[in-house]
PDB file of N, CA and C in Angstrom:
ATOM      1  N   UNK A   1      14.460  -0.850   0.775  1.00  0.00           N
ATOM      2  CA  UNK A   1      13.569  -0.826  -0.391  1.00  0.00           C
ATOM      3  C   UNK A   1      14.151   0.087  -1.371  1.00  0.00           C
ATOM      4  N   UNK A   2      14.753   1.522  -1.024  1.00  0.00           N
ATOM      5  CA  UNK A   2      15.391   2.286  -2.255  1.00  0.00           C
ATOM      6  C   UNK A   2      16.609   1.520  -2.821  1.00  0.00           C
ATOM      7  N   UNK A   3      17.281   0.466  -2.204  1.00  0.00           N
ATOM      8  CA  UNK A   3      18.299  -0.088  -2.905  1.00  0.00           C
ATOM      9  C   UNK A   3      17.541  -1.006  -4.022  1.00  0.00           C
ATOM     10  N   UNK A   4      16.460  -1.619  -3.670  1.00  0.00           N
ATOM     11  CA  UNK A   4      15.874  -2.451  -4.844  1.00  0.00           C
ATOM     12  C   UNK A   4      15.073  -1.959  -6.019  1.00  0.00           C
ATOM     13  N   UNK A   5      14.798  -0.461  -5.588  1.00  0.00           N
ATOM     14  CA  UNK A   5      13.831   0.313  -6.675  1.00  0.00           C
ATOM     15  C   UNK A   5      14.736   1.383  -7.235  1.00  0.00           C
ATOM     16  N   UNK A   6      15.878   1.735  -6.470  1.00  0.00           N
ATOM     17  CA  UNK A   6      16.626   2.932  -7.111  1.00  0.00           C
ATOM     18  C   UNK A   6      15.839   4.169  -6.714  1.00  0.00           C
ATOM     19  N   UNK A   7      16.231   5.152  -7.603  1.00  0.00           N
ATOM     20  CA  UNK A   7      15.542   6.581  -7.033  1.00  0.00           C
ATOM     21  C   UNK A   7      14.074   6.653  -7.314  1.00  0.00           C
ATOM     22  N   UNK A   8      13.530   5.874  -8.027  1.00  0.00           N
ATOM     23  CA  UNK A   8      12.188   5.810  -8.245  1.00  0.00           C
ATOM     24  C   UNK A   8      11.132   4.980  -7.695  1.00  0.00           C
ATOM     25  N   UNK A   9      11.579   4.853  -6.124  1.00  0.00           N
ATOM     26  CA  UNK A   9      10.795   3.874  -5.187  1.00  0.00           C
ATOM     27  C   UNK A   9       9.475   4.547  -4.583  1.00  0.00           C
ATOM     28  N   UNK A  10       9.505   5.745  -4.938  1.00  0.00           N
ATOM     29  CA  UNK A  10       8.334   6.434  -4.148  1.00  0.00           C
ATOM     30  C   UNK A  10       7.106   5.747  -4.455  1.00  0.00           C
ATOM     31  N   UNK A  11       6.464   5.464  -5.534  1.00  0.00           N
ATOM     32  CA  UNK A  11       5.503   4.767  -5.765  1.00  0.00           C
ATOM     33  C   UNK A  11       5.254   3.435  -5.156  1.00  0.00           C
ATOM     34  N   UNK A  12       6.566   2.639  -5.202  1.00  0.00           N
ATOM     35  CA  UNK A  12       6.501   1.362  -4.623  1.00  0.00           C
ATOM     36  C   UNK A  12       6.182   1.495  -3.126  1.00  0.00           C
ATOM     37  N   UNK A  13       6.945   2.578  -2.378  1.00  0.00           N
ATOM     38  CA  UNK A  13       6.806   2.810  -1.099  1.00  0.00           C
ATOM     39  C   UNK A  13       5.390   2.987  -0.694  1.00  0.00           C
ATOM     40  N   UNK A  14       4.576   3.870  -1.376  1.00  0.00           N
ATOM     41  CA  UNK A  14       3.311   4.088  -1.195  1.00  0.00           C
ATOM     42  C   UNK A  14       2.455   2.887  -1.171  1.00  0.00           C
ATOM     43  N   UNK A  15       2.453   2.231  -2.367  1.00  0.00           N
ATOM     44  CA  UNK A  15       1.642   1.030  -2.453  1.00  0.00           C
ATOM     45  C   UNK A  15       2.138  -0.250  -1.413  1.00  0.00           C
ATOM     46  N   UNK A  16       3.500  -0.353  -0.757  1.00  0.00           N
ATOM     47  CA  UNK A  16       3.580  -1.301   0.042  1.00  0.00           C
ATOM     48  C   UNK A  16       2.953  -0.659   1.396  1.00  0.00           C
ATOM     49  N   UNK A  17       2.936   0.842   1.881  1.00  0.00           N
ATOM     50  CA  UNK A  17       2.123   1.317   2.869  1.00  0.00           C
ATOM     51  C   UNK A  17       0.738   0.869   2.793  1.00  0.00           C
ATOM     52  N   UNK A  18       0.218   0.996   1.590  1.00  0.00           N
ATOM     53  CA  UNK A  18      -1.329   0.702   1.539  1.00  0.00           C
ATOM     54  C   UNK A  18      -1.494  -0.892   1.851  1.00  0.00           C
ATOM     55  N   UNK A  19      -0.719  -1.877   1.256  1.00  0.00           N
ATOM     56  CA  UNK A  19      -0.694  -3.137   1.738  1.00  0.00           C
ATOM     57  C   UNK A  19      -0.656  -3.413   3.025  1.00  0.00           C
ATOM     58  N   UNK A  20       0.387  -2.768   3.851  1.00  0.00           N
ATOM     59  CA  UNK A  20       0.616  -2.938   5.053  1.00  0.00           C
ATOM     60  C   UNK A  20      -0.751  -2.277   5.855  1.00  0.00           C
ATOM     61  N   UNK A  21      -1.559  -1.206   5.569  1.00  0.00           N
ATOM     62  CA  UNK A  21      -2.860  -0.942   6.121  1.00  0.00           C
ATOM     63  C   UNK A  21      -3.923  -1.894   6.160  1.00  0.00           C
ATOM     64  N   UNK A  22      -3.820  -2.591   4.730  1.00  0.00           N
ATOM     65  CA  UNK A  22      -4.883  -3.545   4.438  1.00  0.00           C
ATOM     66  C   UNK A  22      -4.554  -4.851   5.493  1.00  0.00           C
ATOM     67  N   UNK A  23      -3.247  -5.209   5.540  1.00  0.00           N
ATOM     68  CA  UNK A  23      -2.983  -6.517   6.459  1.00  0.00           C
ATOM     69  C   UNK A  23      -3.459  -6.378   7.773  1.00  0.00           C
ATOM     70  N   UNK A  24      -3.004  -4.803   8.482  1.00  0.00           N
ATOM     71  CA  UNK A  24      -3.433  -4.567   9.674  1.00  0.00           C
ATOM     72  C   UNK A  24      -4.956  -4.350  10.096  1.00  0.00           C
ATOM     73  N   UNK A  25      -5.386  -3.801   9.029  1.00  0.00           N
ATOM     74  CA  UNK A  25      -6.948  -3.821   9.247  1.00  0.00           C
ATOM     75  C   UNK A  25      -7.727  -5.231   8.935  1.00  0.00           C
ATOM     76  N   UNK A  26      -7.209  -6.017   8.306  1.00  0.00           N
ATOM     77  CA  UNK A  26      -7.671  -7.473   8.273  1.00  0.00           C
ATOM     78  C   UNK A  26      -7.341  -7.982   9.762  1.00  0.00           C
ATOM     79  N   UNK A  27      -6.124  -7.848  10.294  1.00  0.00           N
ATOM     80  CA  UNK A  27      -5.764  -8.388  11.750  1.00  0.00           C
ATOM     81  C   UNK A  27      -6.922  -7.826  12.622  1.00  0.00           C
ATOM     82  N   UNK A  28      -7.052  -6.527  12.527  1.00  0.00           N
ATOM     83  CA  UNK A  28      -7.818  -6.022  13.390  1.00  0.00           C
ATOM     84  C   UNK A  28      -9.346  -6.408  13.639  1.00  0.00           C
ATOM     85  N   UNK A  29      -9.805  -6.682  12.284  1.00  0.00           N
ATOM     86  CA  UNK A  29     -11.217  -6.953  12.174  1.00  0.00           C
ATOM     87  C   UNK A  29     -11.313  -8.493  12.784  1.00  0.00           C
ATOM     88  N   UNK A  30     -10.325  -9.437  12.433  1.00  0.00           N
ATOM     89  CA  UNK A  30     -10.141 -10.793  13.073  1.00  0.00           C
ATOM     90  C   UNK A  30     -10.140 -10.719  14.623  1.00  0.00           C
ATOM     91  N   UNK A  31      -9.446  -9.727  15.167  1.00  0.00           N
ATOM     92  CA  UNK A  31      -9.459  -9.650  16.530  1.00  0.00           C
ATOM     93  C   UNK A  31     -10.852  -9.324  17.048  1.00  0.00           C
ATOM     94  N   UNK A  32     -11.506  -8.489  16.474  1.00  0.00           N
ATOM     95  CA  UNK A  32     -12.909  -7.857  16.796  1.00  0.00           C
ATOM     96  C   UNK A  32     -13.953  -9.193  16.711  1.00  0.00           C
ATOM     97  N   UNK A  33     -13.759  -9.858  15.615  1.00  0.00           N
ATOM     98  CA  UNK A  33     -14.801 -10.928  15.357  1.00  0.00           C
ATOM     99  C   UNK A  33     -14.442 -12.203  16.314  1.00  0.00           C
ATOM    100  N   UNK A  34     -13.251 -12.159  17.020  1.00  0.00           N
ATOM    101  CA  UNK A  34     -12.662 -13.323  17.674  1.00  0.00           C
ATOM    102  C   UNK A  34     -12.678 -14.627  17.067  1.00  0.00           C
ATOM    103  N   UNK A  35     -11.841 -14.400  15.850  1.00  0.00           N
ATOM    104  CA  UNK A  35     -11.839 -15.569  14.990  1.00  0.00           C
ATOM    105  C   UNK A  35     -11.042 -16.845  15.579  1.00  0.00           C
ATOM    106  N   UNK A  36     -11.337 -17.801  15.438  1.00  0.00           N
ATOM    107  CA  UNK A  36     -10.739 -19.012  15.984  1.00  0.00           C
ATOM    108  C   UNK A  36      -9.380 -18.891  15.370  1.00  0.00           C
ATOM    109  N   UNK A  37      -8.261 -19.251  16.342  1.00  0.00           N
ATOM    110  CA  UNK A  37      -6.918 -19.192  15.826  1.00  0.00           C
ATOM    111  C   UNK A  37      -6.188 -17.961  15.884  1.00  0.00           C
ATOM    112  N   UNK A  38      -6.738 -16.879  16.037  1.00  0.00           N
ATOM    113  CA  UNK A  38      -6.271 -15.804  16.268  1.00  0.00           C
ATOM    114  C   UNK A  38      -6.444 -15.252  17.732  1.00  0.00           C
ATOM    115  N   UNK A  39      -5.140 -14.972  18.442  1.00  0.00           N
ATOM    116  CA  UNK A  39      -5.216 -14.769  19.854  1.00  0.00           C
ATOM    117  C   UNK A  39      -5.661 -13.353  20.025  1.00  0.00           C
ATOM    118  N   UNK A  40      -6.477 -13.023  21.110  1.00  0.00           N
ATOM    119  CA  UNK A  40      -6.960 -11.751  21.303  1.00  0.00           C
ATOM    120  C   UNK A  40      -5.779 -10.739  21.420  1.00  0.00           C
ATOM    121  N   UNK A  41      -5.807  -9.521  21.123  1.00  0.00           N
ATOM    122  CA  UNK A  41      -4.784  -8.585  21.238  1.00  0.00           C
ATOM    123  C   UNK A  41      -4.712  -7.817  22.466  1.00  0.00           C
ATOM    124  N   UNK A  42      -5.748  -7.744  23.019  1.00  0.00           N
ATOM    125  CA  UNK A  42      -5.667  -7.030  24.288  1.00  0.00           C
ATOM    126  C   UNK A  42      -5.482  -7.875  25.572  1.00  0.00           C
ATOM    127  N   UNK A  43      -4.678  -7.284  26.661  1.00  0.00           N
ATOM    128  CA  UNK A  43      -4.317  -8.191  27.624  1.00  0.00           C
ATOM    129  C   UNK A  43      -5.603  -8.447  28.532  1.00  0.00           C
ATOM    130  N   UNK A  44      -5.931  -9.545  29.157  1.00  0.00           N
ATOM    131  CA  UNK A  44      -7.021  -9.964  29.851  1.00  0.00           C
ATOM    132  C   UNK A  44      -6.708  -9.565  31.401  1.00  0.00           C
ATOM    133  N   UNK A  45      -7.985  -9.564  32.251  1.00  0.00           N
ATOM    134  CA  UNK A  45      -7.812  -9.022  33.616  1.00  0.00           C
ATOM    135  C   UNK A  45      -7.027 -10.134  34.514  1.00  0.00           C
ATOM    136  N   UNK A  46      -6.879 -11.246  33.957  1.00  0.00           N
ATOM    137  CA  UNK A  46      -5.974 -12.281  34.687  1.00  0.00           C
ATOM    138  C   UNK A  46      -4.563 -12.075  34.558  1.00  0.00           C
ATOM    139  N   UNK A  47      -4.200 -11.479  33.256  1.00  0.00           N
ATOM    140  CA  UNK A  47      -2.922 -11.116  32.897  1.00  0.00           C
ATOM    141  C   UNK A  47      -2.461  -9.823  33.761  1.00  0.00           C
ATOM    142  N   UNK A  48      -3.426  -8.874  33.930  1.00  0.00           N
ATOM    143  CA  UNK A  48      -3.226  -7.759  34.926  1.00  0.00           C
ATOM    144  C   UNK A  48      -2.871  -7.974  36.133  1.00  0.00           C
ATOM    145  N   UNK A  49      -3.813  -9.030  36.678  1.00  0.00           N
ATOM    146  CA  UNK A  49      -3.591  -9.392  38.123  1.00  0.00           C
ATOM    147  C   UNK A  49      -2.251 -10.155  38.403  1.00  0.00           C
ATOM    148  N   UNK A  50      -1.682 -10.841  37.296  1.00  0.00           N
ATOM    149  CA  UNK A  50      -0.298 -11.593  37.569  1.00  0.00           C
ATOM    150  C   UNK A  50       0.444 -11.130  36.549  1.00  0.00           C
ATOM    151  N   UNK A  51       1.285  -9.895  36.758  1.00  0.00           N
ATOM    152  CA  UNK A  51       2.064  -9.464  35.481  1.00  0.00           C
ATOM    153  C   UNK A  51       3.309 -10.531  35.231  1.00  0.00           C
ATOM    154  N   UNK A  52       3.434 -10.727  33.924  1.00  0.00           N
ATOM    155  CA  UNK A  52       4.487 -11.710  33.543  1.00  0.00           C
ATOM    156  C   UNK A  52       4.714 -11.428  32.148  1.00  0.00           C
ATOM    157  N   UNK A  53       5.557 -12.234  31.547  1.00  0.00           N
ATOM    158  CA  UNK A  53       6.023 -12.173  30.206  1.00  0.00           C
ATOM    159  C   UNK A  53       4.967 -12.052  29.093  1.00  0.00           C
ATOM    160  N   UNK A  54       3.737 -12.684  29.508  1.00  0.00           N
ATOM    161  CA  UNK A  54       2.612 -12.614  28.377  1.00  0.00           C
ATOM    162  C   UNK A  54       1.830 -11.332  28.398  1.00  0.00           C
ATOM    163  N   UNK A  55       1.766 -10.779  29.823  1.00  0.00           N
ATOM    164  CA  UNK A  55       1.381  -9.333  29.741  1.00  0.00           C
ATOM    165  C   UNK A  55       2.340  -8.354  28.968  1.00  0.00           C
ATOM    166  N   UNK A  56       3.779  -8.409  29.158  1.00  0.00           N
ATOM    167  CA  UNK A  56       4.296  -7.515  28.426  1.00  0.00           C
ATOM    168  C   UNK A  56       4.331  -7.721  27.005  1.00  0.00           C
ATOM    169  N   UNK A  57       4.279  -9.099  26.554  1.00  0.00           N
ATOM    170  CA  UNK A  57       3.985  -9.333  25.144  1.00  0.00           C
ATOM    171  C   UNK A  57       2.913  -8.636  24.483  1.00  0.00           C
ATOM    172  N   UNK A  58       1.812  -8.979  25.171  1.00  0.00           N
ATOM    173  CA  UNK A  58       0.528  -8.353  24.848  1.00  0.00           C
ATOM    174  C   UNK A  58       0.612  -6.673  24.590  1.00  0.00           C
ATOM    175  N   UNK A  59       1.176  -5.993  25.798  1.00  0.00           N
ATOM    176  CA  UNK A  59       1.476  -4.525  25.744  1.00  0.00           C
ATOM    177  C   UNK A  59       2.292  -4.077  24.639  1.00  0.00           C
ATOM    178  N   UNK A  60       3.272  -4.654  24.452  1.00  0.00           N
ATOM    179  CA  UNK A  60       4.255  -4.347  23.323  1.00  0.00           C
ATOM    180  C   UNK A  60       3.400  -4.664  21.905  1.00  0.00           C
ATOM    181  N   UNK A  61       2.748  -5.647  21.722  1.00  0.00           N
ATOM    182  CA  UNK A  61       2.027  -5.788  20.436  1.00  0.00           C
ATOM    183  C   UNK A  61       1.102  -4.572  20.377  1.00  0.00           C
ATOM    184  N   UNK A  62       0.135  -4.360  21.300  1.00  0.00           N
ATOM    185  CA  UNK A  62      -0.704  -3.128  21.327  1.00  0.00           C
ATOM    186  C   UNK A  62       0.131  -1.964  20.710  1.00  0.00           C
ATOM    187  N   UNK A  63       1.271  -1.654  21.714  1.00  0.00           N
ATOM    188  CA  UNK A  63       2.156  -0.562  21.366  1.00  0.00           C
ATOM    189  C   UNK A  63       2.617  -0.335  19.908  1.00  0.00           C
ATOM    190  N   UNK A  64       3.126  -1.587  19.313  1.00  0.00           N
ATOM    191  CA  UNK A  64       3.538  -1.698  18.030  1.00  0.00           C
ATOM    192  C   UNK A  64       2.456  -1.416  16.980  1.00  0.00           C
ATOM    193  N   UNK A  65       1.350  -1.867  17.318  1.00  0.00           N
ATOM    194  CA  UNK A  65       0.189  -1.685  16.239  1.00  0.00           C
ATOM    195  C   UNK A  65      -0.052  -0.243  16.529  1.00  0.00           C
ATOM    196  N   UNK A  66      -0.110   0.371  17.439  1.00  0.00           N
ATOM    197  CA  UNK A  66      -0.534   1.895  17.496  1.00  0.00           C
ATOM    198  C   UNK A  66       0.628   2.768  16.781  1.00  0.00           C
ATOM    199  N   UNK A  67       1.834   2.326  16.884  1.00  0.00           N
ATOM    200  CA  UNK A  67       2.969   2.883  16.236  1.00  0.00           C
ATOM    201  C   UNK A  67       2.591   2.889  14.848  1.00  0.00           C
ATOM    202  N   UNK A  68       2.435   1.750  14.271  1.00  0.00           N
ATOM    203  CA  UNK A  68       2.217   1.431  12.903  1.00  0.00           C
ATOM    204  C   UNK A  68       0.930   2.438  12.505  1.00  0.00           C
ATOM    205  N   UNK A  69       0.001   2.296  13.321  1.00  0.00           N
ATOM    206  CA  UNK A  69      -1.270   3.138  12.997  1.00  0.00           C
ATOM    207  C   UNK A  69      -0.921   4.598  12.746  1.00  0.00           C
ATOM    208  N   UNK A  70      -0.158   5.108  13.719  1.00  0.00           N
ATOM    209  CA  UNK A  70       0.320   6.466  13.646  1.00  0.00           C
ATOM    210  C   UNK A  70       1.008   6.948  12.600  1.00  0.00           C
ATOM    211  N   UNK A  71       2.006   5.872  12.153  1.00  0.00           N
ATOM    212  CA  UNK A  71       2.828   5.923  11.013  1.00  0.00           C
ATOM    213  C   UNK A  71       2.210   5.956   9.772  1.00  0.00           C
ATOM    214  N   UNK A  72       1.207   5.276   9.598  1.00  0.00           N
ATOM    215  CA  UNK A  72       0.419   5.004   8.362  1.00  0.00           C
ATOM    216  C   UNK A  72      -0.597   6.202   8.269  1.00  0.00           C
ATOM    217  N   UNK A  73      -1.054   6.660   9.223  1.00  0.00           N
ATOM    218  CA  UNK A  73      -2.048   7.855   9.186  1.00  0.00           C
ATOM    219  C   UNK A  73      -1.160   9.076   8.617  1.00  0.00           C
ATOM    220  N   UNK A  74       0.058   9.406   9.180  1.00  0.00           N
ATOM    221  CA  UNK A  74       0.692  10.607   8.727  1.00  0.00           C
ATOM    222  C   UNK A  74       1.144  10.277   7.316  1.00  0.00           C
ATOM    223  N   UNK A  75       1.590   9.081   6.926  1.00  0.00           N
ATOM    224  CA  UNK A  75       1.831   8.633   5.614  1.00  0.00           C
ATOM    225  C   UNK A  75       0.759   8.917   4.775  1.00  0.00           C
ATOM    226  N   UNK A  76      -0.369   8.603   4.993  1.00  0.00           N
ATOM    227  CA  UNK A  76      -1.767   8.610   4.042  1.00  0.00           C
ATOM    228  C   UNK A  76      -1.763  10.354   3.874  1.00  0.00           C
ATOM    229  N   UNK A  77      -1.658  11.104   5.230  1.00  0.00           N
ATOM    230  CA  UNK A  77      -1.995  12.454   5.027  1.00  0.00           C
ATOM    231  C   UNK A  77      -0.879  13.321   4.315  1.00  0.00           C
ATOM    232  N   UNK A  78       0.257  12.739   4.242  1.00  0.00           N
ATOM    233  CA  UNK A  78       1.355  13.606   3.507  1.00  0.00           C
ATOM    234  C   UNK A  78       1.341  13.196   1.841  1.00  0.00           C
ATOM    235  N   UNK A  79       0.801  12.277   1.412  1.00  0.00           N
ATOM    236  CA  UNK A  79       0.655  11.839   0.085  1.00  0.00           C
ATOM    237  C   UNK A  79      -0.433  12.312  -0.915  1.00  0.00           C
ATOM    238  N   UNK A  80      -0.202  12.500  -1.942  1.00  0.00           N
ATOM    239  CA  UNK A  80      -1.532  12.916  -2.719  1.00  0.00           C
ATOM    240  C   UNK A  80      -1.883  11.599  -3.257  1.00  0.00           C
ATOM    241  N   UNK A  81      -2.845  11.061  -2.367  1.00  0.00           N
ATOM    242  CA  UNK A  81      -3.410   9.710  -2.814  1.00  0.00           C
ATOM    243  C   UNK A  81      -4.180   9.770  -4.105  1.00  0.00           C
ATOM    244  N   UNK A  82      -5.012  10.523  -4.478  1.00  0.00           N
ATOM    245  CA  UNK A  82      -5.566  10.614  -5.981  1.00  0.00           C
ATOM    246  C   UNK A  82      -4.589  10.261  -7.142  1.00  0.00           C
ATOM    247  N   UNK A  83      -3.315  11.106  -6.904  1.00  0.00           N
ATOM    248  CA  UNK A  83      -2.242  10.993  -7.711  1.00  0.00           C
ATOM    249  C   UNK A  83      -1.647   9.611  -7.960  1.00  0.00           C
ATOM    250  N   UNK A  84      -1.383   9.016  -6.685  1.00  0.00           N
ATOM    251  CA  UNK A  84      -0.856   7.865  -6.439  1.00  0.00           C
ATOM    252  C   UNK A  84      -1.489   6.763  -7.129  1.00  0.00           C
ATOM    253  N   UNK A  85      -2.912   6.744  -6.797  1.00  0.00           N
ATOM    254  CA  UNK A  85      -3.939   5.822  -7.254  1.00  0.00           C
ATOM    255  C   UNK A  85      -4.001   5.839  -8.675  1.00  0.00           C
ATOM    256  N   UNK A  86      -4.015   6.918  -9.390  1.00  0.00           N
ATOM    257  CA  UNK A  86      -4.112   7.139 -10.916  1.00  0.00           C
ATOM    258  C   UNK A  86      -2.688   6.691 -11.297  1.00  0.00           C
ATOM    259  N   UNK A  87      -1.657   6.988 -10.972  1.00  0.00           N
ATOM    260  CA  UNK A  87      -0.204   6.510 -11.412  1.00  0.00           C
ATOM    261  C   UNK A  87      -0.213   5.041 -11.332  1.00  0.00           C
ATOM    262  N   UNK A  88      -0.761   4.299 -10.148  1.00  0.00           N
ATOM    263  CA  UNK A  88      -0.518   2.945 -10.029  1.00  0.00           C
ATOM    264  C   UNK A  88      -1.746   2.110 -11.207  1.00  0.00           C
ATOM    265  N   UNK A  89      -2.892   2.764 -11.442  1.00  0.00           N
ATOM    266  CA  UNK A  89      -3.687   2.114 -12.420  1.00  0.00           C
ATOM    267  C   UNK A  89      -3.233   2.262 -13.799  1.00  0.00           C
ATOM    268  N   UNK A  90      -2.701   3.509 -14.020  1.00  0.00           N
ATOM    269  CA  UNK A  90      -1.879   3.503 -15.184  1.00  0.00           C
ATOM    270  C   UNK A  90      -0.679   2.611 -15.550  1.00  0.00           C
ATOM    271  N   UNK A  91      -0.130   1.817 -14.464  1.00  0.00           N
ATOM    272  CA  UNK A  91       0.865   0.990 -14.566  1.00  0.00           C
ATOM    273  C   UNK A  91       0.301  -0.366 -14.883  1.00  0.00           C
ATOM    274  N   UNK A  92      -0.990  -0.448 -14.407  1.00  0.00           N
ATOM    275  CA  UNK A  92      -1.791  -1.884 -14.728  1.00  0.00           C
ATOM    276  C   UNK A  92      -2.518  -1.931 -15.901  1.00  0.00           C
ATOM    277  N   UNK A  93      -3.149  -0.620 -16.303  1.00  0.00           N
ATOM    278  CA  UNK A  93      -3.665  -0.382 -17.478  1.00  0.00           C
ATOM    279  C   UNK A  93      -3.027   0.671 -18.258  1.00  0.00           C
ATOM    280  N   UNK A  94      -2.276   0.704 -19.424  1.00  0.00           N
ATOM    281  CA  UNK A  94      -1.784   1.623 -19.865  1.00  0.00           C
ATOM    282  C   UNK A  94      -2.848   2.843 -20.528  1.00  0.00           C
ATOM    283  N   UNK A  95      -2.322   4.059 -20.699  1.00  0.00           N
ATOM    284  CA  UNK A  95      -3.344   5.039 -21.306  1.00  0.00           C
ATOM    285  C   UNK A  95      -4.041   4.541 -22.520  1.00  0.00           C
ATOM    286  N   UNK A  96      -3.227   4.246 -23.225  1.00  0.00           N
ATOM    287  CA  UNK A  96      -3.619   3.867 -24.688  1.00  0.00           C
ATOM    288  C   UNK A  96      -4.823   2.628 -24.719  1.00  0.00           C
ATOM    289  N   UNK A  97      -4.511   1.630 -23.840  1.00  0.00           N
ATOM    290  CA  UNK A  97      -5.431   0.562 -23.690  1.00  0.00           C
ATOM    291  C   UNK A  97      -6.747   1.326 -22.875  1.00  0.00           C
ATOM    292  N   UNK A  98      -6.707   2.093 -22.011  1.00  0.00           N
ATOM    293  CA  UNK A  98      -7.882   2.696 -21.301  1.00  0.00           C
ATOM    294  C   UNK A  98      -8.659   3.353 -22.340  1.00  0.00           C
ATOM    295  N   UNK A  99      -8.120   4.193 -23.325  1.00  0.00           N
ATOM    296  CA  UNK A  99      -8.843   4.848 -24.355  1.00  0.00           C
ATOM    297  C   UNK A  99      -9.433   3.912 -25.038  1.00  0.00           C
ATOM    298  N   UNK A 100      -8.814   2.770 -25.551  1.00  0.00           N
ATOM    299  CA  UNK A 100      -9.735   1.895 -26.420  1.00  0.00           C
ATOM    300  C   UNK A 100     -10.848   1.262 -25.680  1.00  0.00           C
ATOM    301  N   UNK A 101     -10.890   1.033 -24.329  1.00  0.00           N
ATOM    302  CA  UNK A 101     -11.892   0.440 -23.625  1.00  0.00           C
ATOM    303  C   UNK A 101     -12.984   1.525 -23.629  1.00  0.00           C
ATOM    304  N   UNK A 102     -12.712   2.793 -23.645  1.00  0.00           N
ATOM    305  CA  UNK A 102     -13.711   3.982 -23.472  1.00  0.00           C
ATOM    306  C   UNK A 102     -14.299   3.930 -24.936  1.00  0.00           C
ATOM    307  N   UNK A 103     -13.697   3.547 -25.942  1.00  0.00           N
ATOM    308  CA  UNK A 103     -14.404   3.661 -27.286  1.00  0.00           C
ATOM    309  C   UNK A 103     -15.378   2.433 -27.310  1.00  0.00           C
ATOM    310  N   UNK A 104     -15.108   1.290 -26.863  1.00  0.00           N
ATOM    311  CA  UNK A 104     -15.855   0.191 -26.935  1.00  0.00           C
ATOM    312  C   UNK A 104     -17.334   0.498 -26.544  1.00  0.00           C
ATOM    313  N   UNK A 105     -17.327   1.273 -25.436  1.00  0.00           N
ATOM    314  CA  UNK A 105     -18.756   1.728 -24.777  1.00  0.00           C
ATOM    315  C   UNK A 105     -19.410   2.678 -25.587  1.00  0.00           C
ATOM    316  N   UNK A 106     -18.746   3.361 -26.545  1.00  0.00           N
ATOM    317  CA  UNK A 106     -19.612   4.414 -27.627  1.00  0.00           C
ATOM    318  C   UNK A 106     -20.188   3.731 -28.594  1.00  0.00           C
ATOM    319  N   UNK A 107     -19.581   2.518 -29.190  1.00  0.00           N
ATOM    320  CA  UNK A 107     -20.219   2.017 -30.302  1.00  0.00           C
ATOM    321  C   UNK A 107     -21.533   1.286 -30.183  1.00  0.00           C
ATOM    322  N   UNK A 108     -22.423   1.034 -30.809  1.00  0.00           N
ATOM    323  CA  UNK A 108     -23.654   0.552 -30.496  1.00  0.00           C
ATOM    324  C   UNK A 108     -23.909  -0.555 -31.271  1.00  0.00           C
TER     325      UNK A 108
END
């Protein structure tokens, strides 16, 4: 990522982290709702009784999700999220344009 964005990749790094958190949150919600087409994340009792590659795969998936969750949580705690959100929105709506939008509300 740093190669593609240069030294100013901090904002892109944080927004990619927000995207990763959103994707994992959607996947966990789909797992809880037991949506068709998405296999359950947790190993079943039958897998625990007869260990095999399916059990190992499920356990590795759960461990991977827990690692990503821990990494995302520490990332969220270390970043000034209010400043990042403000910087990101000013990229989408420049400050001069935002002031023009506020002026429209004042006129009657």
